[in-house]
Amino acid sequence: MLFLTVFVLDSTTIIVNFTAARYCKRRYRALDAPKSLNARYQAKEAFELAKSMQPAFFTIYLAKTLLAIILLSFCYKMDEHLRCVPFLFPATFADLEVLFFMTHTILSTLLIAWLMLKHPRFRRKINSKGGDVLKRLHIQYEAPVGDKVPEGDLYFETLEASWNVAHAVAQRKKSRSWIYHSHHFDDNCDR
């Protein structure tokens, strides 16, 4: 029953991932750049994340299927005392549980490492933090649309410029308010 549940969940994960990648790619291409920079950036990030996870999901799906076949060869049915009846080799149920959960832990760790290697922004962040080993790795990446300037950088530059303008306006209002109140205070003192 557990194997069937894991199989269904992993199959659903792969289907949802492929659907999300296709949708985000279409959405990214449909949005107009100057009017919806934030939405384009979000669609591009979602596409990059989904695209970088596809090979990892498929590899882990195959590894879990292989694990299920191995475990089923050790214990394909239970006898009347709830002990495993081996198909090839005898093993205790506790050993099979340890093998199952250790393999899932290792696969989860590999999934996270794979994501950090395949996603362009995560890889740049790791390289900037001193990941000398990762700098030597060359991983192919294709952007959904061939932009000359990375759209993420353009998004953050535009966002920073708007924050700087808003900060300058707030400072100007604050200084005008202070000048008004100080003159008002001086007028009240003269009376």
N, C-alpha and C. Protein backbone atom coordinates (compact mmCIF):
# COMPACT_ATOMS: atom_id res chain seq x y z
N MET A 1 0.82 -1.20 0.00
CA MET A 1 0.00 0.00 0.00
C MET A 1 0.87 1.26 0.00
N LEU A 2 1.94 1.26 0.79
CA LEU A 2 2.84 2.41 0.86
C LEU A 2 3.49 2.66 -0.50
N PHE A 3 3.89 1.58 -1.18
CA PHE A 3 4.52 1.73 -2.49
C PHE A 3 3.55 2.34 -3.49
N LEU A 4 2.31 1.93 -3.43
CA LEU A 4 1.31 2.46 -4.34
C LEU A 4 1.08 3.95 -4.08
N THR A 5 1.04 4.33 -2.81
CA THR A 5 0.87 5.74 -2.45
C THR A 5 2.04 6.58 -2.95
N VAL A 6 3.26 6.11 -2.72
CA VAL A 6 4.45 6.83 -3.18
C VAL A 6 4.45 6.92 -4.70
N PHE A 7 4.08 5.85 -5.38
CA PHE A 7 4.03 5.84 -6.84
C PHE A 7 3.03 6.87 -7.36
N VAL A 8 1.85 6.91 -6.77
CA VAL A 8 0.82 7.86 -7.20
C VAL A 8 1.26 9.30 -6.93
N LEU A 9 1.82 9.56 -5.75
CA LEU A 9 2.27 10.92 -5.43
C LEU A 9 3.40 11.37 -6.35
N ASP A 10 4.36 10.50 -6.61
CA ASP A 10 5.46 10.88 -7.50
C ASP A 10 4.98 11.08 -8.93
N SER A 11 4.06 10.25 -9.38
CA SER A 11 3.50 10.43 -10.73
C SER A 11 2.76 11.76 -10.83
N THR A 12 1.99 12.09 -9.81
CA THR A 12 1.27 13.37 -9.79
C THR A 12 2.25 14.54 -9.76
N THR A 13 3.33 14.42 -9.01
CA THR A 13 4.33 15.48 -8.95
C THR A 13 4.93 15.75 -10.32
N ILE A 14 5.27 14.70 -11.03
CA ILE A 14 5.86 14.87 -12.36
C ILE A 14 4.85 15.50 -13.33
N ILE A 15 3.62 15.07 -13.29
CA ILE A 15 2.59 15.63 -14.18
C ILE A 15 2.35 17.10 -13.88
N VAL A 16 2.23 17.45 -12.60
CA VAL A 16 2.01 18.85 -12.22
C VAL A 16 3.21 19.71 -12.60
N ASN A 17 4.42 19.18 -12.44
CA ASN A 17 5.62 19.93 -12.79
C ASN A 17 5.67 20.23 -14.28
N PHE A 18 5.42 19.24 -15.12
CA PHE A 18 5.44 19.47 -16.57
C PHE A 18 4.34 20.45 -16.98
N THR A 19 3.17 20.34 -16.38
CA THR A 19 2.08 21.26 -16.69
C THR A 19 2.42 22.68 -16.26
N ALA A 20 3.00 22.83 -15.07
CA ALA A 20 3.37 24.16 -14.57
C ALA A 20 4.45 24.79 -15.44
N ALA A 21 5.42 24.01 -15.87
CA ALA A 21 6.49 24.55 -16.72
C ALA A 21 5.92 25.05 -18.05
N ARG A 22 5.03 24.28 -18.65
CA ARG A 22 4.42 24.72 -19.91
C ARG A 22 3.58 25.97 -19.72
N TYR A 23 2.79 26.01 -18.65
CA TYR A 23 1.93 27.16 -18.40
C TYR A 23 2.76 28.42 -18.15
N CYS A 24 3.79 28.30 -17.31
CA CYS A 24 4.62 29.48 -16.99
C CYS A 24 5.37 29.98 -18.21
N LYS A 25 5.80 29.08 -19.07
CA LYS A 25 6.48 29.50 -20.30
C LYS A 25 5.53 30.28 -21.20
N ARG A 26 4.30 29.77 -21.37
CA ARG A 26 3.30 30.48 -22.18
C ARG A 26 2.95 31.83 -21.55
N ARG A 27 2.79 31.86 -20.25
CA ARG A 27 2.44 33.09 -19.54
C ARG A 27 3.56 34.12 -19.68
N TYR A 28 4.80 33.67 -19.57
CA TYR A 28 5.95 34.57 -19.69
C TYR A 28 5.99 35.21 -21.08
N ARG A 29 5.74 34.42 -22.09
CA ARG A 29 5.76 34.95 -23.47
C ARG A 29 4.57 35.85 -23.76
N ALA A 30 3.45 35.63 -23.07
CA ALA A 30 2.24 36.41 -23.34
C ALA A 30 2.26 37.79 -22.68
N LEU A 31 3.02 37.94 -21.61
CA LEU A 31 3.02 39.21 -20.89
C LEU A 31 3.86 40.25 -21.61
N ASP A 32 3.42 41.51 -21.55
CA ASP A 32 4.13 42.61 -22.17
C ASP A 32 5.19 43.12 -21.19
N ALA A 33 6.42 43.27 -21.66
CA ALA A 33 7.55 43.58 -20.77
C ALA A 33 7.42 44.91 -20.03
N PRO A 34 7.18 46.04 -20.70
CA PRO A 34 7.18 47.30 -19.94
C PRO A 34 6.02 47.44 -18.96
N LYS A 35 4.88 46.85 -19.31
CA LYS A 35 3.70 47.06 -18.47
C LYS A 35 3.65 46.13 -17.27
N SER A 36 4.21 44.94 -17.41
CA SER A 36 4.06 43.94 -16.34
C SER A 36 5.39 43.28 -16.02
N LEU A 37 6.36 44.08 -15.63
CA LEU A 37 7.68 43.55 -15.33
C LEU A 37 7.66 42.60 -14.15
N ASN A 38 6.88 42.93 -13.13
CA ASN A 38 6.80 42.07 -11.95
C ASN A 38 6.18 40.72 -12.30
N ALA A 39 5.10 40.73 -13.05
CA ALA A 39 4.44 39.47 -13.44
C ALA A 39 5.34 38.65 -14.35
N ARG A 40 6.06 39.31 -15.26
CA ARG A 40 6.99 38.58 -16.14
C ARG A 40 8.11 37.94 -15.33
N TYR A 41 8.62 38.67 -14.36
CA TYR A 41 9.69 38.12 -13.52
C TYR A 41 9.19 36.90 -12.74
N GLN A 42 8.00 37.00 -12.18
CA GLN A 42 7.45 35.87 -11.42
C GLN A 42 7.22 34.66 -12.32
N ALA A 43 6.71 34.89 -13.53
CA ALA A 43 6.49 33.78 -14.46
C ALA A 43 7.81 33.15 -14.88
N LYS A 44 8.82 33.99 -15.11
CA LYS A 44 10.13 33.45 -15.50
C LYS A 44 10.75 32.64 -14.37
N GLU A 45 10.67 33.14 -13.14
CA GLU A 45 11.22 32.40 -11.99
C GLU A 45 10.49 31.07 -11.80
N ALA A 46 9.18 31.08 -11.95
CA ALA A 46 8.42 29.83 -11.81
C ALA A 46 8.79 28.84 -12.91
N PHE A 47 8.99 29.34 -14.13
CA PHE A 47 9.41 28.47 -15.23
C PHE A 47 10.79 27.88 -14.96
N GLU A 48 11.74 28.73 -14.53
CA GLU A 48 13.09 28.25 -14.26
C GLU A 48 13.10 27.20 -13.15
N LEU A 49 12.31 27.44 -12.12
CA LEU A 49 12.26 26.48 -11.01
C LEU A 49 11.66 25.16 -11.47
N ALA A 50 10.55 25.22 -12.20
CA ALA A 50 9.92 23.98 -12.67
C ALA A 50 10.82 23.24 -13.66
N LYS A 51 11.47 23.98 -14.54
CA LYS A 51 12.34 23.36 -15.54
C LYS A 51 13.56 22.72 -14.89
N SER A 52 14.12 23.36 -13.88
CA SER A 52 15.30 22.80 -13.23
C SER A 52 14.97 21.59 -12.37
N MET A 53 13.72 21.45 -11.97
CA MET A 53 13.33 20.31 -11.14
C MET A 53 12.92 19.08 -11.95
N GLN A 54 12.64 19.24 -13.23
CA GLN A 54 12.15 18.10 -14.02
C GLN A 54 13.12 16.92 -14.05
N PRO A 55 14.41 17.11 -14.35
CA PRO A 55 15.30 15.95 -14.36
C PRO A 55 15.43 15.30 -12.98
N ALA A 56 15.42 16.11 -11.94
CA ALA A 56 15.53 15.57 -10.58
C ALA A 56 14.30 14.74 -10.23
N PHE A 57 13.13 15.25 -10.54
CA PHE A 57 11.91 14.50 -10.24
C PHE A 57 11.89 13.17 -10.99
N PHE A 58 12.28 13.19 -12.25
CA PHE A 58 12.24 11.96 -13.05
C PHE A 58 13.27 10.95 -12.54
N THR A 59 14.47 11.41 -12.20
CA THR A 59 15.51 10.52 -11.69
C THR A 59 15.09 9.91 -10.36
N ILE A 60 14.54 10.71 -9.49
CA ILE A 60 14.11 10.21 -8.18
C ILE A 60 12.91 9.26 -8.35
N TYR A 61 12.06 9.54 -9.30
CA TYR A 61 10.94 8.63 -9.59
C TYR A 61 11.47 7.25 -10.00
N LEU A 62 12.47 7.23 -10.87
CA LEU A 62 13.05 5.95 -11.28
C LEU A 62 13.75 5.26 -10.11
N ALA A 63 14.45 6.03 -9.27
CA ALA A 63 15.14 5.43 -8.12
C ALA A 63 14.14 4.84 -7.12
N LYS A 64 13.04 5.53 -6.89
CA LYS A 64 12.02 5.01 -5.97
C LYS A 64 11.34 3.76 -6.54
N THR A 65 11.15 3.73 -7.85
CA THR A 65 10.57 2.54 -8.47
C THR A 65 11.52 1.35 -8.33
N LEU A 66 12.81 1.59 -8.54
CA LEU A 66 13.80 0.54 -8.35
C LEU A 66 13.83 0.07 -6.90
N LEU A 67 13.74 1.00 -5.96
CA LEU A 67 13.70 0.65 -4.54
C LEU A 67 12.47 -0.20 -4.24
N ALA A 68 11.34 0.16 -4.79
CA ALA A 68 10.12 -0.62 -4.55
C ALA A 68 10.26 -2.04 -5.09
N ILE A 69 10.89 -2.19 -6.25
CA ILE A 69 11.10 -3.53 -6.81
C ILE A 69 12.02 -4.34 -5.91
N ILE A 70 13.08 -3.71 -5.41
CA ILE A 70 14.01 -4.40 -4.51
C ILE A 70 13.31 -4.82 -3.23
N LEU A 71 12.55 -3.89 -2.64
CA LEU A 71 11.87 -4.22 -1.39
C LEU A 71 10.81 -5.29 -1.59
N LEU A 72 10.13 -5.24 -2.71
CA LEU A 72 9.13 -6.28 -2.97
C LEU A 72 9.77 -7.64 -3.21
N SER A 73 11.00 -7.65 -3.70
CA SER A 73 11.68 -8.94 -3.86
C SER A 73 12.06 -9.53 -2.51
N PHE A 74 12.26 -8.67 -1.51
CA PHE A 74 12.55 -9.17 -0.16
C PHE A 74 11.28 -9.61 0.56
N CYS A 75 10.20 -8.89 0.32
CA CYS A 75 8.98 -9.17 1.08
C CYS A 75 7.78 -8.90 0.18
N TYR A 76 7.31 -9.90 -0.50
CA TYR A 76 6.20 -9.66 -1.42
C TYR A 76 4.85 -10.01 -0.83
N LYS A 77 4.85 -10.74 0.32
CA LYS A 77 3.59 -10.96 1.03
C LYS A 77 3.91 -11.30 2.48
N MET A 78 2.89 -11.28 3.32
CA MET A 78 3.05 -11.58 4.75
C MET A 78 2.40 -12.93 5.04
N ASP A 79 3.01 -13.66 5.96
CA ASP A 79 2.39 -14.93 6.37
C ASP A 79 1.39 -14.68 7.49
N GLU A 80 0.85 -15.75 8.08
CA GLU A 80 -0.19 -15.59 9.12
C GLU A 80 0.35 -14.97 10.40
N HIS A 81 1.68 -14.97 10.61
CA HIS A 81 2.28 -14.34 11.79
C HIS A 81 2.83 -12.95 11.48
N LEU A 82 2.43 -12.38 10.36
CA LEU A 82 2.84 -11.06 9.88
C LEU A 82 4.36 -10.96 9.71
N ARG A 83 4.96 -12.00 9.20
CA ARG A 83 6.36 -11.99 8.84
C ARG A 83 6.45 -11.98 7.31
N CYS A 84 7.52 -11.38 6.83
CA CYS A 84 7.71 -11.30 5.38
C CYS A 84 8.02 -12.66 4.80
N VAL A 85 7.38 -12.94 3.69
CA VAL A 85 7.70 -14.15 2.93
C VAL A 85 8.62 -13.69 1.80
N PRO A 86 9.89 -14.10 1.84
CA PRO A 86 10.84 -13.60 0.84
C PRO A 86 10.61 -14.23 -0.53
N PHE A 87 10.85 -13.42 -1.54
CA PHE A 87 10.78 -13.92 -2.90
C PHE A 87 12.17 -14.41 -3.32
N LEU A 88 13.21 -13.62 -3.01
CA LEU A 88 14.58 -14.00 -3.33
C LEU A 88 15.42 -14.21 -2.07
N PHE A 89 15.50 -13.16 -1.23
CA PHE A 89 16.36 -13.20 -0.06
C PHE A 89 15.54 -12.89 1.18
N PRO A 90 15.81 -13.57 2.29
CA PRO A 90 15.08 -13.24 3.53
C PRO A 90 15.64 -11.97 4.17
N ALA A 91 14.78 -11.16 4.73
CA ALA A 91 15.17 -9.95 5.46
C ALA A 91 14.09 -9.64 6.48
N THR A 92 14.50 -9.02 7.58
CA THR A 92 13.51 -8.65 8.58
C THR A 92 12.77 -7.40 8.13
N PHE A 93 11.60 -7.19 8.68
CA PHE A 93 10.80 -6.03 8.33
C PHE A 93 11.50 -4.74 8.76
N ALA A 94 12.19 -4.78 9.91
CA ALA A 94 12.92 -3.60 10.39
C ALA A 94 14.04 -3.22 9.42
N ASP A 95 14.74 -4.20 8.88
CA ASP A 95 15.79 -3.91 7.90
C ASP A 95 15.21 -3.26 6.64
N LEU A 96 14.06 -3.73 6.23
CA LEU A 96 13.42 -3.15 5.04
C LEU A 96 12.97 -1.72 5.29
N GLU A 97 12.46 -1.45 6.49
CA GLU A 97 12.06 -0.07 6.82
C GLU A 97 13.27 0.85 6.84
N VAL A 98 14.37 0.40 7.43
CA VAL A 98 15.59 1.22 7.48
C VAL A 98 16.07 1.50 6.06
N LEU A 99 16.09 0.49 5.21
CA LEU A 99 16.50 0.68 3.83
C LEU A 99 15.59 1.67 3.10
N PHE A 100 14.29 1.55 3.31
CA PHE A 100 13.32 2.43 2.66
C PHE A 100 13.53 3.89 3.08
N PHE A 101 13.60 4.15 4.39
CA PHE A 101 13.69 5.53 4.86
C PHE A 101 15.07 6.13 4.62
N MET A 102 16.13 5.33 4.68
CA MET A 102 17.46 5.87 4.35
C MET A 102 17.54 6.25 2.88
N THR A 103 16.97 5.43 2.03
CA THR A 103 16.98 5.75 0.61
C THR A 103 16.17 7.01 0.33
N HIS A 104 15.04 7.17 0.97
CA HIS A 104 14.24 8.39 0.79
C HIS A 104 14.99 9.62 1.30
N THR A 105 15.70 9.49 2.39
CA THR A 105 16.48 10.62 2.91
C THR A 105 17.59 11.00 1.94
N ILE A 106 18.29 10.02 1.43
CA ILE A 106 19.36 10.29 0.46
C ILE A 106 18.79 10.92 -0.80
N LEU A 107 17.67 10.42 -1.29
CA LEU A 107 17.06 10.98 -2.49
C LEU A 107 16.58 12.41 -2.27
N SER A 108 16.07 12.71 -1.09
CA SER A 108 15.63 14.08 -0.79
C SER A 108 16.82 15.03 -0.76
N THR A 109 17.93 14.59 -0.20
CA THR A 109 19.14 15.41 -0.18
C THR A 109 19.63 15.65 -1.60
N LEU A 110 19.63 14.62 -2.42
CA LEU A 110 20.04 14.78 -3.81
C LEU A 110 19.11 15.71 -4.58
N LEU A 111 17.82 15.68 -4.26
CA LEU A 111 16.85 16.56 -4.91
C LEU A 111 17.18 18.03 -4.63
N ILE A 112 17.50 18.35 -3.40
CA ILE A 112 17.84 19.73 -3.05
C ILE A 112 19.16 20.14 -3.70
N ALA A 113 20.15 19.26 -3.67
CA ALA A 113 21.43 19.58 -4.31
C ALA A 113 21.26 19.78 -5.81
N TRP A 114 20.44 18.96 -6.43
CA TRP A 114 20.18 19.08 -7.86
C TRP A 114 19.51 20.40 -8.18
N LEU A 115 18.56 20.79 -7.37
CA LEU A 115 17.89 22.08 -7.57
C LEU A 115 18.90 23.22 -7.50
N MET A 116 19.79 23.19 -6.52
CA MET A 116 20.76 24.27 -6.37
C MET A 116 21.76 24.30 -7.53
N LEU A 117 22.01 23.18 -8.15
CA LEU A 117 22.91 23.15 -9.29
C LEU A 117 22.23 23.57 -10.59
N LYS A 118 20.97 23.25 -10.76
CA LYS A 118 20.29 23.50 -12.02
C LYS A 118 19.64 24.88 -12.13
N HIS A 119 19.20 25.45 -11.02
CA HIS A 119 18.51 26.74 -11.06
C HIS A 119 19.56 27.84 -11.23
N PRO A 120 19.43 28.69 -12.25
CA PRO A 120 20.47 29.69 -12.53
C PRO A 120 20.72 30.67 -11.38
N ARG A 121 19.68 31.18 -10.76
CA ARG A 121 19.88 32.16 -9.69
C ARG A 121 20.50 31.51 -8.45
N PHE A 122 20.06 30.31 -8.10
CA PHE A 122 20.65 29.61 -6.95
C PHE A 122 22.12 29.30 -7.22
N ARG A 123 22.42 28.87 -8.44
CA ARG A 123 23.80 28.54 -8.80
C ARG A 123 24.69 29.79 -8.72
N ARG A 124 24.19 30.93 -9.20
CA ARG A 124 24.98 32.18 -9.11
C ARG A 124 25.22 32.56 -7.66
N LYS A 125 24.20 32.38 -6.81
CA LYS A 125 24.33 32.72 -5.39
C LYS A 125 25.38 31.83 -4.72
N ILE A 126 25.36 30.54 -5.03
CA ILE A 126 26.35 29.63 -4.45
C ILE A 126 27.75 29.98 -4.94
N ASN A 127 27.88 30.29 -6.22
CA ASN A 127 29.18 30.67 -6.76
C ASN A 127 29.70 31.95 -6.13
N SER A 128 28.82 32.90 -5.86
CA SER A 128 29.26 34.15 -5.24
C SER A 128 29.66 33.96 -3.79
N LYS A 129 29.13 32.92 -3.14
CA LYS A 129 29.48 32.65 -1.75
C LYS A 129 30.77 31.83 -1.63
N GLY A 130 31.41 31.53 -2.74
CA GLY A 130 32.68 30.82 -2.68
C GLY A 130 32.59 29.35 -2.98
N GLY A 131 31.63 28.95 -3.77
CA GLY A 131 31.51 27.54 -4.14
C GLY A 131 32.49 27.21 -5.24
N ASP A 132 33.78 27.02 -4.90
CA ASP A 132 34.82 26.77 -5.89
C ASP A 132 34.56 25.50 -6.70
N VAL A 133 34.02 24.51 -6.06
CA VAL A 133 33.74 23.26 -6.77
C VAL A 133 32.65 23.48 -7.80
N LEU A 134 31.64 24.25 -7.43
CA LEU A 134 30.52 24.48 -8.34
C LEU A 134 30.91 25.38 -9.51
N LYS A 135 31.94 26.23 -9.31
CA LYS A 135 32.36 27.11 -10.40
C LYS A 135 32.92 26.32 -11.57
N ARG A 136 33.48 25.14 -11.28
CA ARG A 136 34.05 24.32 -12.34
C ARG A 136 32.99 23.54 -13.10
N LEU A 137 31.81 23.44 -12.55
CA LEU A 137 30.74 22.70 -13.23
C LEU A 137 30.11 23.60 -14.28
N HIS A 138 29.87 23.04 -15.44
CA HIS A 138 29.19 23.79 -16.49
C HIS A 138 27.87 23.09 -16.78
N ILE A 139 26.78 23.77 -16.49
CA ILE A 139 25.46 23.18 -16.68
C ILE A 139 24.74 23.97 -17.75
N GLN A 140 24.18 23.28 -18.72
CA GLN A 140 23.46 23.93 -19.80
C GLN A 140 22.16 24.51 -19.28
N TYR A 141 21.84 25.70 -19.75
CA TYR A 141 20.58 26.33 -19.38
C TYR A 141 20.08 27.10 -20.58
N GLU A 142 18.81 26.95 -20.88
CA GLU A 142 18.22 27.73 -21.95
C GLU A 142 17.08 28.56 -21.39
N ALA A 143 17.15 29.85 -21.64
CA ALA A 143 16.10 30.76 -21.18
C ALA A 143 14.89 30.61 -22.08
N PRO A 144 13.69 30.89 -21.55
CA PRO A 144 12.50 30.75 -22.38
C PRO A 144 12.47 31.72 -23.55
N VAL A 145 13.04 32.89 -23.37
CA VAL A 145 13.09 33.88 -24.43
C VAL A 145 14.50 34.46 -24.43
N GLY A 146 15.09 34.67 -25.59
CA GLY A 146 16.48 35.12 -25.66
C GLY A 146 16.64 36.60 -25.39
N ASP A 147 16.54 37.01 -24.15
CA ASP A 147 16.75 38.41 -23.79
C ASP A 147 18.24 38.69 -23.69
N LYS A 148 18.66 39.93 -24.04
CA LYS A 148 20.07 40.28 -23.92
C LYS A 148 20.42 40.64 -22.49
N VAL A 149 19.54 41.32 -21.79
CA VAL A 149 19.75 41.65 -20.39
C VAL A 149 18.90 40.68 -19.56
N PRO A 150 19.50 40.05 -18.55
CA PRO A 150 18.68 39.16 -17.73
C PRO A 150 17.52 39.93 -17.10
N GLU A 151 16.34 39.42 -17.28
CA GLU A 151 15.14 40.14 -16.86
C GLU A 151 15.08 40.29 -15.34
N GLY A 152 15.63 39.32 -14.62
CA GLY A 152 15.65 39.42 -13.16
C GLY A 152 16.48 40.62 -12.71
N ASP A 153 17.64 40.83 -13.36
CA ASP A 153 18.47 41.98 -13.01
C ASP A 153 17.76 43.28 -13.34
N LEU A 154 17.10 43.33 -14.49
CA LEU A 154 16.33 44.52 -14.87
C LEU A 154 15.22 44.79 -13.88
N TYR A 155 14.54 43.73 -13.44
CA TYR A 155 13.46 43.87 -12.47
C TYR A 155 13.98 44.47 -11.17
N PHE A 156 15.08 43.93 -10.66
CA PHE A 156 15.59 44.43 -9.39
C PHE A 156 16.17 45.83 -9.50
N GLU A 157 16.77 46.17 -10.65
CA GLU A 157 17.25 47.54 -10.85
C GLU A 157 16.09 48.53 -10.87
N THR A 158 15.01 48.18 -11.57
CA THR A 158 13.83 49.03 -11.62
C THR A 158 13.20 49.17 -10.24
N LEU A 159 13.12 48.07 -9.52
CA LEU A 159 12.55 48.10 -8.17
C LEU A 159 13.39 48.97 -7.24
N GLU A 160 14.72 48.85 -7.33
CA GLU A 160 15.59 49.66 -6.49
C GLU A 160 15.47 51.14 -6.83
N ALA A 161 15.36 51.46 -8.12
CA ALA A 161 15.20 52.85 -8.53
C ALA A 161 13.89 53.43 -7.99
N SER A 162 12.81 52.64 -8.05
CA SER A 162 11.53 53.15 -7.53
C SER A 162 11.59 53.32 -6.02
N TRP A 163 12.29 52.44 -5.32
CA TRP A 163 12.45 52.61 -3.87
C TRP A 163 13.26 53.86 -3.55
N ASN A 164 14.30 54.12 -4.34
CA ASN A 164 15.12 55.31 -4.11
C ASN A 164 14.30 56.58 -4.32
N VAL A 165 13.47 56.59 -5.35
CA VAL A 165 12.61 57.76 -5.61
C VAL A 165 11.62 57.94 -4.47
N ALA A 166 11.00 56.84 -4.03
CA ALA A 166 10.03 56.92 -2.94
C ALA A 166 10.71 57.39 -1.65
N HIS A 167 11.92 56.92 -1.42
CA HIS A 167 12.66 57.33 -0.22
C HIS A 167 13.00 58.83 -0.28
N ALA A 168 13.41 59.31 -1.46
CA ALA A 168 13.74 60.73 -1.62
C ALA A 168 12.50 61.60 -1.42
N VAL A 169 11.36 61.17 -1.95
CA VAL A 169 10.12 61.93 -1.77
C VAL A 169 9.73 61.96 -0.30
N ALA A 170 9.87 60.85 0.39
CA ALA A 170 9.53 60.80 1.81
C ALA A 170 10.46 61.69 2.62
N GLN A 171 11.73 61.71 2.27
CA GLN A 171 12.68 62.58 2.98
C GLN A 171 12.36 64.05 2.74
N ARG A 172 11.97 64.38 1.50
CA ARG A 172 11.64 65.76 1.18
C ARG A 172 10.40 66.20 1.97
N LYS A 173 9.38 65.34 2.03
CA LYS A 173 8.17 65.67 2.80
C LYS A 173 8.50 65.83 4.27
N LYS A 174 9.37 64.98 4.76
CA LYS A 174 9.75 65.04 6.17
C LYS A 174 10.48 66.35 6.47
N SER A 175 11.39 66.75 5.57
CA SER A 175 12.13 67.99 5.81
C SER A 175 11.21 69.20 5.69
N ARG A 176 10.25 69.20 4.75
CA ARG A 176 9.30 70.30 4.64
C ARG A 176 8.44 70.39 5.89
N SER A 177 8.02 69.25 6.39
CA SER A 177 7.21 69.23 7.60
C SER A 177 7.99 69.80 8.77
N TRP A 178 9.25 69.45 8.88
CA TRP A 178 10.09 69.95 9.96
C TRP A 178 10.27 71.46 9.85
N ILE A 179 10.50 71.95 8.60
CA ILE A 179 10.67 73.40 8.40
C ILE A 179 9.37 74.12 8.75
N TYR A 180 8.22 73.59 8.32
CA TYR A 180 6.94 74.21 8.62
C TYR A 180 6.73 74.28 10.13
N HIS A 181 6.96 73.18 10.82
CA HIS A 181 6.74 73.16 12.26
C HIS A 181 7.73 74.06 12.99
N SER A 182 8.96 74.14 12.51
CA SER A 182 9.93 75.00 13.19
C SER A 182 9.57 76.47 12.99
N HIS A 183 9.11 76.88 11.79
CA HIS A 183 8.67 78.26 11.58
C HIS A 183 7.43 78.56 12.39
N HIS A 184 6.52 77.60 12.45
CA HIS A 184 5.31 77.77 13.23
C HIS A 184 5.66 77.94 14.71
N PHE A 185 6.62 77.21 15.17
CA PHE A 185 7.06 77.31 16.56
C PHE A 185 7.68 78.69 16.81
N ASP A 186 8.50 79.18 15.85
CA ASP A 186 9.12 80.49 16.01
C ASP A 186 8.07 81.60 16.03
N ASP A 187 7.02 81.47 15.21
CA ASP A 187 5.96 82.47 15.19
C ASP A 187 5.23 82.50 16.52
N ASN A 188 5.00 81.36 17.12
CA ASN A 188 4.31 81.30 18.41
C ASN A 188 5.16 81.87 19.54
N CYS A 189 6.46 81.76 19.42
CA CYS A 189 7.35 82.26 20.47
C CYS A 189 7.44 83.78 20.45
N ASP A 190 7.26 84.40 19.29
CA ASP A 190 7.36 85.85 19.18
C ASP A 190 6.18 86.55 19.83
N ARG A 191 5.09 85.90 20.02
CA ARG A 191 3.90 86.55 20.54
C ARG A 191 3.96 86.79 21.98
